[in-house]
Amino acid sequence: MPIPISYSYRNLLARRLTTFLTAAGMALVVFVFAAVLMLSEGLRRTLVATGSFDNVVVLRAGSESEVQSAIDRNQAGIINAQPEVALDKEGRRLVAGEAIVLINLPKRGSGNPANVIIRGVQPVSPELRREVRLSAGRFLSPGSTEIVAGAQIARRFQGAGLGETLRFAMRQWQVVGVMDAGNTGFSSELWGDVETLLAAFRRTAFSSVILRLRDPAAFDALKARLESDPRLPVQVLREVEFYENQSRRLATFIRLLGLVLTGIFGVGAILGAMVTMYAQVGARVSEIGTLRALGFKRHHILAAFLLESMFLGFLGWLLGLAPASLLNFLTLSTINWSSFAEITFKFALTSDIMVKSLLFGVGMGLVGGLLPSLKAARLPLLDALRAA
């Protein structure tokens, strides 16, 4: 008959201070581990949520982002004429040539400059972005120097609020609207008329062409036709795939850097758990002898001490995940390595991250308690009884 589970957790309760200090060390590591995963997931979600499954992005072949891409007007006209392009209620083709330009704006309060994307759009562009809606003001007039600011840009940058003006490309630009795009990358963009922007920056080519498919299943046929057309050195991606690719490098870097730090801290937490469990074994030699005299086997002793160390890890997980969950209310900004512009996003706690952090916390306890548990199980019965 195995030792009751209550034996393990009651021993932890009997030594509350030691238990709390050891679990607190593990909690710090669990907090860092969960925060890194939440940071990476929040960035990925923000960029992936920016795309729609039935939207298609056409870029110049070999380009990794819209900043690097160029689609001339003849090529844009060929793409516009494809039969897979959907129509809106007014019969307009849901396809738009768009231009991406990076400008430098000072932040409110600090005045520190940062890169911001201004996207040149066409009148049909808002219909291609279901997640975008005006929260204040109105949409820009075609052919004008009016711009619409994403909610995060309006809040964070000087001159980007409703009714304010920005000066770049030797022109004054009036902010006539603020758009709320939820937790997507469009909240970190400015929108202006594409023809006005191209003229202001002395450009002639679009950065990309965005279109809506009549039928999402027609994507493969459209991709094959466009990429095999000798007039079109382009690559064709679903919009969700395009934005997921945008997030991959930065999210991977954050994850790897965080896991390295977590590994370093984790070694310290494991050593702390090991020292605690060794102290427990040393203080309970007589107790172990009594258990052996009562007929419990070595593997019962091993299981009881391992379970105790796993309870320590579980407690560390609870203490670490509680503050990590509060990070859901924080908003951060960073540089998108693909566009070199600032993007705003939130931490994201998912059930998958909760499970991974639980396994990580319990695993730290298990590894830290393994050697002390083996020592407890291998104590000679006569030596343990003499200590009693």
Protein backbone atom coordinates (compact mmCIF):
# COMPACT_ATOMS: atom_id res chain seq x y z
CA MET A 1 0.00 0.00 0.00
CA PRO A 2 1.53 3.37 -1.03
CA ILE A 3 2.02 6.30 1.32
CA PRO A 4 -1.09 8.56 1.29
CA ILE A 5 -0.86 11.69 -0.87
CA SER A 6 -1.84 13.79 2.14
CA TYR A 7 1.51 12.89 3.72
CA SER A 8 3.38 14.83 1.05
CA TYR A 9 1.45 18.07 1.09
CA ARG A 10 1.08 18.08 4.88
CA ASN A 11 4.86 18.00 5.18
CA LEU A 12 4.97 21.16 3.04
CA LEU A 13 2.35 22.82 5.24
CA ALA A 14 4.34 21.92 8.33
CA ARG A 15 7.31 23.92 6.99
CA ARG A 16 5.48 26.97 5.62
CA LEU A 17 8.36 29.45 5.47
CA THR A 18 10.79 27.10 3.71
CA THR A 19 8.04 25.95 1.36
CA PHE A 20 7.04 29.53 0.48
CA LEU A 21 10.60 30.73 -0.15
CA THR A 22 11.38 27.78 -2.42
CA ALA A 23 8.07 28.10 -4.28
CA ALA A 24 8.66 31.86 -4.67
CA GLY A 25 11.93 31.16 -6.47
CA MET A 26 10.12 28.79 -8.83
CA ALA A 27 7.31 31.32 -9.23
CA LEU A 28 9.75 33.90 -10.57
CA VAL A 29 10.94 31.47 -13.24
CA VAL A 30 7.37 30.45 -14.14
CA PHE A 31 6.46 34.14 -14.41
CA VAL A 32 9.32 34.80 -16.85
CA PHE A 33 8.53 31.65 -18.82
CA ALA A 34 4.82 32.50 -19.14
CA ALA A 35 5.51 36.17 -19.90
CA VAL A 36 7.83 35.30 -22.77
CA LEU A 37 5.28 32.94 -24.32
CA MET A 38 2.51 35.52 -23.81
CA LEU A 39 4.63 38.22 -25.43
CA SER A 40 5.39 36.06 -28.47
CA GLU A 41 1.77 34.94 -28.78
CA GLY A 42 0.47 38.50 -28.43
CA LEU A 43 2.71 39.71 -31.24
CA ARG A 44 1.75 36.77 -33.45
CA ARG A 45 -1.96 37.28 -32.80
CA THR A 46 -1.77 40.98 -33.58
CA LEU A 47 -0.18 40.44 -36.96
CA VAL A 48 -2.14 37.32 -37.93
CA ALA A 49 -5.42 39.01 -36.93
CA THR A 50 -4.50 41.80 -39.35
CA GLY A 51 -5.19 39.49 -42.30
CA SER A 52 -8.33 37.88 -43.74
CA PHE A 53 -8.44 34.37 -45.17
CA ASP A 54 -10.27 35.42 -48.33
CA ASN A 55 -7.93 38.37 -48.99
CA VAL A 56 -4.86 37.99 -51.18
CA VAL A 57 -1.64 40.03 -51.09
CA VAL A 58 0.41 40.32 -54.28
CA LEU A 59 4.04 41.40 -53.87
CA ARG A 60 7.07 41.57 -56.10
CA ALA A 61 8.83 38.22 -56.27
CA GLY A 62 11.50 37.87 -53.61
CA SER A 63 10.10 40.61 -51.34
CA GLU A 64 9.68 39.79 -47.67
CA SER A 65 7.51 42.81 -46.88
CA GLU A 66 5.53 45.58 -48.54
CA VAL A 67 8.37 47.99 -47.79
CA GLN A 68 10.65 46.03 -50.14
CA SER A 69 8.05 45.45 -52.85
CA ALA A 70 7.09 47.40 -55.99
CA ILE A 71 4.19 46.69 -58.38
CA ASP A 72 3.96 49.01 -61.37
CA ARG A 73 0.64 50.23 -62.75
CA ASN A 74 0.59 47.88 -65.74
CA GLN A 75 1.11 44.90 -63.44
CA ALA A 76 -1.56 46.22 -61.06
CA GLY A 77 -3.97 46.49 -64.02
CA ILE A 78 -3.39 42.85 -64.96
CA ILE A 79 -4.04 41.74 -61.37
CA ASN A 80 -7.16 43.90 -61.21
CA ALA A 81 -8.63 42.11 -64.24
CA GLN A 82 -8.44 38.59 -62.78
CA PRO A 83 -11.80 36.76 -62.75
CA GLU A 84 -11.41 35.62 -59.13
CA VAL A 85 -11.72 39.20 -57.81
CA ALA A 86 -14.92 39.75 -55.78
CA LEU A 87 -17.38 42.61 -56.29
CA ASP A 88 -19.02 44.76 -53.64
CA LYS A 89 -22.72 45.66 -53.48
CA GLU A 90 -22.17 48.56 -55.88
CA GLY A 91 -20.41 46.37 -58.41
CA ARG A 92 -16.92 47.72 -57.68
CA ARG A 93 -14.06 45.28 -57.91
CA LEU A 94 -12.60 44.65 -54.45
CA VAL A 95 -8.97 45.18 -55.38
CA ALA A 96 -6.65 48.04 -54.42
CA GLY A 97 -3.11 49.05 -55.21
CA GLU A 98 -1.55 50.31 -51.99
CA ALA A 99 1.73 52.01 -51.11
CA ILE A 100 3.73 51.78 -47.89
CA VAL A 101 5.92 54.66 -46.73
CA LEU A 102 7.84 55.00 -43.46
CA ILE A 103 7.82 58.38 -41.75
CA ASN A 104 9.38 59.48 -38.48
CA LEU A 105 7.14 61.01 -35.81
CA PRO A 106 7.82 62.18 -32.23
CA LYS A 107 5.95 60.46 -29.40
CA ARG A 108 3.68 62.33 -27.06
CA GLY A 109 5.26 63.19 -23.75
CA SER A 110 8.81 62.04 -24.38
CA GLY A 111 9.26 63.49 -27.88
CA ASN A 112 11.32 60.43 -28.85
CA PRO A 113 11.04 59.71 -32.58
CA ALA A 114 9.86 56.39 -34.01
CA ASN A 115 9.05 55.00 -37.44
CA VAL A 116 5.37 54.89 -38.37
CA ILE A 117 3.78 53.29 -41.43
CA ILE A 118 1.61 55.47 -43.61
CA ARG A 119 -0.40 53.36 -46.02
CA GLY A 120 -1.60 54.82 -49.28
CA VAL A 121 -5.09 53.45 -49.87
CA GLN A 122 -7.86 53.63 -52.44
CA PRO A 123 -11.59 54.23 -51.79
CA VAL A 124 -12.27 50.49 -51.78
CA SER A 125 -9.54 49.72 -49.22
CA PRO A 126 -11.79 50.03 -46.11
CA GLU A 127 -14.07 47.31 -47.51
CA LEU A 128 -11.06 45.02 -47.82
CA ARG A 129 -10.36 45.44 -44.08
CA ARG A 130 -13.36 44.14 -42.15
CA GLU A 131 -11.70 44.79 -38.80
CA VAL A 132 -11.32 48.52 -39.46
CA ARG A 133 -14.04 50.97 -38.43
CA LEU A 134 -14.07 54.70 -37.81
CA SER A 135 -14.26 55.56 -34.12
CA ALA A 136 -14.14 59.32 -34.68
CA GLY A 137 -14.27 61.77 -37.58
CA ARG A 138 -14.66 60.65 -41.18
CA PHE A 139 -12.77 58.81 -43.89
CA LEU A 140 -10.33 60.73 -46.08
CA SER A 141 -11.35 62.29 -49.40
CA PRO A 142 -9.64 60.88 -52.53
CA GLY A 143 -6.97 63.16 -53.99
CA SER A 144 -6.58 65.17 -50.77
CA THR A 145 -3.87 65.55 -48.13
CA GLU A 146 -6.22 64.16 -45.50
CA ILE A 147 -5.22 61.15 -43.41
CA VAL A 148 -6.88 58.73 -41.02
CA ALA A 149 -4.88 57.61 -37.96
CA GLY A 150 -5.00 54.26 -36.23
CA ALA A 151 -6.17 54.50 -32.63
CA GLN A 152 -2.74 53.58 -31.21
CA ILE A 153 -0.98 56.12 -33.43
CA ALA A 154 -3.44 58.88 -32.52
CA ARG A 155 -2.88 58.17 -28.84
CA ARG A 156 0.89 57.80 -28.87
CA PHE A 157 2.25 60.31 -31.43
CA GLN A 158 2.29 64.10 -31.61
CA GLY A 159 0.11 65.61 -34.30
CA ALA A 160 -1.72 62.34 -35.05
CA GLY A 161 -4.90 63.05 -33.07
CA LEU A 162 -8.22 63.98 -34.62
CA GLY A 163 -8.10 67.55 -35.99
CA GLU A 164 -4.32 67.80 -35.66
CA THR A 165 -1.85 68.19 -38.50
CA LEU A 166 1.34 66.42 -39.50
CA ARG A 167 4.07 67.74 -41.75
CA PHE A 168 6.08 65.39 -43.95
CA ALA A 169 7.08 65.16 -47.62
CA MET A 170 6.97 69.01 -47.75
CA ARG A 171 3.20 69.05 -47.16
CA GLN A 172 0.71 69.58 -44.35
CA TRP A 173 -1.56 66.60 -43.69
CA GLN A 174 -4.82 66.96 -41.80
CA VAL A 175 -6.02 64.13 -39.54
CA VAL A 176 -9.75 63.88 -40.31
CA GLY A 177 -10.51 60.50 -38.72
CA VAL A 178 -9.40 57.92 -36.19
CA MET A 179 -9.90 54.25 -36.98
CA ASP A 180 -10.29 51.47 -34.46
CA ALA A 181 -8.90 48.24 -35.84
CA GLY A 182 -9.02 46.28 -32.59
CA ASN A 183 -6.00 44.16 -31.78
CA THR A 184 -4.56 44.31 -35.31
CA GLY A 185 -1.61 46.00 -36.97
CA PHE A 186 -3.87 48.56 -38.70
CA SER A 187 -4.25 50.33 -35.34
CA SER A 188 -0.55 51.19 -35.71
CA GLU A 189 -0.84 52.75 -39.18
CA LEU A 190 -1.75 56.05 -40.81
CA TRP A 191 -3.86 55.93 -43.98
CA GLY A 192 -3.74 58.49 -46.79
CA ASP A 193 -4.77 58.71 -50.43
CA VAL A 194 -2.41 56.52 -52.45
CA GLU A 195 -2.10 58.85 -55.45
CA THR A 196 -1.37 61.88 -53.25
CA LEU A 197 1.23 59.94 -51.28
CA LEU A 198 2.96 58.59 -54.37
CA ALA A 199 3.17 62.11 -55.81
CA ALA A 200 4.42 63.57 -52.51
CA PHE A 201 7.18 60.98 -52.21
CA ARG A 202 7.93 61.01 -55.97
CA ARG A 203 7.07 57.40 -56.51
CA THR A 204 5.21 55.73 -59.35
CA ALA A 205 4.75 52.11 -58.23
CA PHE A 206 2.48 50.54 -55.63
CA SER A 207 3.98 48.49 -52.83
CA SER A 208 1.37 45.75 -53.10
CA VAL A 209 -2.01 44.87 -54.54
CA ILE A 210 -4.72 43.61 -52.16
CA LEU A 211 -7.79 41.80 -53.44
CA ARG A 212 -10.80 39.90 -52.11
CA LEU A 213 -11.58 36.49 -53.62
CA ARG A 214 -15.06 35.62 -54.84
CA ASP A 215 -14.41 32.13 -53.51
CA PRO A 216 -11.56 31.45 -51.03
CA ALA A 217 -11.07 28.06 -52.69
CA ALA A 218 -10.01 29.84 -55.90
CA PHE A 219 -6.73 30.95 -54.33
CA ASP A 220 -4.59 28.15 -55.81
CA ALA A 221 -5.81 28.82 -59.36
CA LEU A 222 -5.17 32.56 -59.02
CA LYS A 223 -1.72 31.99 -57.49
CA ALA A 224 -0.68 29.58 -60.25
CA ARG A 225 -1.85 31.92 -63.02
CA LEU A 226 -0.25 35.10 -61.67
CA GLU A 227 3.06 33.55 -60.66
CA SER A 228 3.45 31.83 -64.05
CA ASP A 229 2.66 35.00 -66.04
CA PRO A 230 5.96 36.31 -67.52
CA ARG A 231 4.65 39.89 -67.28
CA LEU A 232 4.28 39.54 -63.52
CA PRO A 233 7.39 38.76 -61.45
CA VAL A 234 5.21 38.44 -58.35
CA GLN A 235 4.45 36.23 -55.38
CA VAL A 236 0.89 35.63 -54.26
CA LEU A 237 0.01 35.00 -50.61
CA ARG A 238 -3.13 34.73 -48.56
CA GLU A 239 -3.26 37.80 -46.33
CA VAL A 240 -3.20 35.70 -43.13
CA GLU A 241 -0.11 33.87 -44.39
CA PHE A 242 1.58 37.14 -45.30
CA TYR A 243 1.10 38.66 -41.83
CA GLU A 244 2.06 35.42 -40.09
CA ASN A 245 5.34 35.50 -42.00
CA GLN A 246 5.79 39.11 -40.82
CA SER A 247 5.57 38.03 -37.18
CA ARG A 248 7.69 34.89 -37.38
CA ARG A 249 11.22 36.28 -37.08
CA LEU A 250 10.55 38.71 -34.24
CA ALA A 251 8.34 36.25 -32.34
CA THR A 252 10.99 33.54 -32.68
CA PHE A 253 13.71 35.89 -31.44
CA ILE A 254 11.63 36.91 -28.40
CA ARG A 255 10.84 33.28 -27.64
CA LEU A 256 14.45 32.09 -27.91
CA LEU A 257 15.86 34.99 -25.88
CA GLY A 258 13.23 34.46 -23.21
CA LEU A 259 13.79 30.73 -23.05
CA VAL A 260 17.54 31.26 -22.60
CA LEU A 261 16.87 33.59 -19.66
CA THR A 262 14.28 31.18 -18.31
CA GLY A 263 16.79 28.34 -18.54
CA ILE A 264 19.36 30.30 -16.53
CA PHE A 265 16.83 31.23 -13.85
CA GLY A 266 15.41 27.72 -13.95
CA VAL A 267 18.75 26.18 -12.98
CA GLY A 268 18.79 28.40 -9.90
CA ALA A 269 15.21 27.44 -8.99
CA ILE A 270 15.98 23.73 -9.42
CA LEU A 271 19.04 24.04 -7.20
CA GLY A 272 16.89 25.83 -4.62
CA ALA A 273 14.34 23.03 -4.68
CA MET A 274 17.13 20.47 -4.43
CA VAL A 275 18.66 22.14 -1.38
CA THR A 276 15.25 22.36 0.26
CA MET A 277 14.49 18.69 -0.37
CA TYR A 278 17.94 17.58 0.83
CA ALA A 279 17.29 19.52 4.05
CA GLN A 280 13.94 17.78 4.34
CA VAL A 281 15.56 14.37 3.97
CA GLY A 282 18.24 15.20 6.55
CA ALA A 283 15.66 16.40 9.08
CA ARG A 284 13.36 13.40 8.58
CA VAL A 285 15.74 10.44 8.75
CA SER A 286 13.95 9.05 11.81
CA GLU A 287 10.60 9.55 10.08
CA ILE A 288 11.84 7.63 7.05
CA GLY A 289 13.02 4.84 9.35
CA THR A 290 9.58 4.66 10.97
CA LEU A 291 7.90 4.44 7.56
CA ARG A 292 10.23 1.61 6.54
CA ALA A 293 9.56 -0.20 9.84
CA LEU A 294 5.82 0.07 9.15
CA GLY A 295 6.36 -1.89 5.94
CA PHE A 296 6.60 0.81 3.28
CA LYS A 297 9.05 -0.06 0.50
CA ARG A 298 11.86 2.04 -0.94
CA HIS A 299 9.79 2.97 -3.99
CA HIS A 300 7.00 4.19 -1.70
CA ILE A 301 9.47 6.55 -0.01
CA LEU A 302 10.78 7.66 -3.41
CA ALA A 303 7.26 8.38 -4.71
CA ALA A 304 6.27 10.32 -1.57
CA PHE A 305 9.29 12.63 -1.73
CA LEU A 306 8.97 13.12 -5.49
CA LEU A 307 5.32 14.01 -5.04
CA GLU A 308 6.31 16.51 -2.37
CA SER A 309 8.76 18.21 -4.73
CA MET A 310 6.12 18.25 -7.49
CA PHE A 311 3.71 19.95 -5.09
CA LEU A 312 6.42 22.57 -4.60
CA GLY A 313 6.56 23.09 -8.36
CA PHE A 314 2.76 23.27 -8.58
CA LEU A 315 2.71 25.93 -5.86
CA GLY A 316 5.41 27.84 -7.74
CA TRP A 317 3.24 27.66 -10.87
CA LEU A 318 0.24 29.12 -9.03
CA LEU A 319 2.32 31.93 -7.53
CA GLY A 320 3.98 32.72 -10.87
CA LEU A 321 0.96 32.49 -13.17
CA ALA A 322 -1.18 34.84 -11.05
CA PRO A 323 0.93 37.97 -11.74
CA ALA A 324 1.64 36.78 -15.31
CA SER A 325 -2.10 36.77 -16.04
CA LEU A 326 -2.23 40.48 -15.13
CA LEU A 327 0.05 41.20 -18.10
CA ASN A 328 -3.03 40.73 -20.31
CA PHE A 329 -3.96 44.30 -19.40
CA LEU A 330 -0.65 45.78 -20.60
CA THR A 331 -0.02 47.22 -24.05
CA LEU A 332 3.51 47.24 -25.48
CA SER A 333 5.14 48.60 -28.60
CA THR A 334 8.13 47.30 -30.50
CA ILE A 335 9.73 47.51 -33.91
CA ASN A 336 8.40 45.11 -36.51
CA TRP A 337 11.56 43.72 -38.07
CA SER A 338 9.85 43.24 -41.43
CA SER A 339 8.52 46.79 -41.85
CA PHE A 340 10.91 48.62 -39.46
CA ALA A 341 7.92 50.50 -38.05
CA GLU A 342 6.56 50.58 -34.52
CA ILE A 343 3.72 48.17 -33.79
CA THR A 344 1.55 48.05 -30.69
CA PHE A 345 0.32 44.77 -29.23
CA LYS A 346 -0.82 43.09 -26.01
CA PHE A 347 0.28 40.04 -24.06
CA ALA A 348 -1.93 37.01 -24.72
CA LEU A 349 -2.50 34.26 -22.13
CA THR A 350 -3.88 31.10 -23.72
CA SER A 351 -4.82 27.71 -22.35
CA ASP A 352 -1.83 26.25 -24.18
CA ILE A 353 0.52 28.64 -22.36
CA MET A 354 -1.11 27.75 -19.04
CA VAL A 355 -0.53 24.05 -19.66
CA LYS A 356 3.06 24.59 -20.80
CA SER A 357 3.87 26.72 -17.75
CA LEU A 358 2.24 24.12 -15.48
CA LEU A 359 4.37 21.35 -16.95
CA PHE A 360 7.42 23.59 -16.66
CA GLY A 361 6.76 24.41 -12.99
CA VAL A 362 6.00 20.83 -11.97
CA GLY A 363 8.97 19.67 -14.03
CA MET A 364 11.30 21.99 -12.12
CA GLY A 365 10.04 20.52 -8.86
CA LEU A 366 10.44 16.99 -10.16
CA VAL A 367 14.02 17.54 -11.37
CA GLY A 368 14.99 19.40 -8.20
CA GLY A 369 13.57 16.68 -5.96
CA LEU A 370 14.88 13.65 -7.83
CA LEU A 371 18.29 13.28 -6.18
CA PRO A 372 17.06 14.02 -2.63
CA SER A 373 14.20 11.56 -3.15
CA LEU A 374 16.64 8.87 -4.27
CA LYS A 375 18.73 9.56 -1.18
CA ALA A 376 15.66 9.18 1.05
CA ALA A 377 14.68 5.91 -0.63
CA ARG A 378 18.20 4.48 -0.31
CA LEU A 379 18.71 5.22 3.38
CA PRO A 380 19.69 1.96 5.15
CA LEU A 381 16.87 0.82 7.40
CA LEU A 382 19.10 0.24 10.46
CA ASP A 383 20.73 3.69 10.18
CA ALA A 384 17.33 5.34 9.88
CA LEU A 385 15.99 3.41 12.89
CA ARG A 386 19.04 4.35 14.99
CA ALA A 387 18.36 8.00 14.20
CA ALA A 388 14.86 7.48 15.52
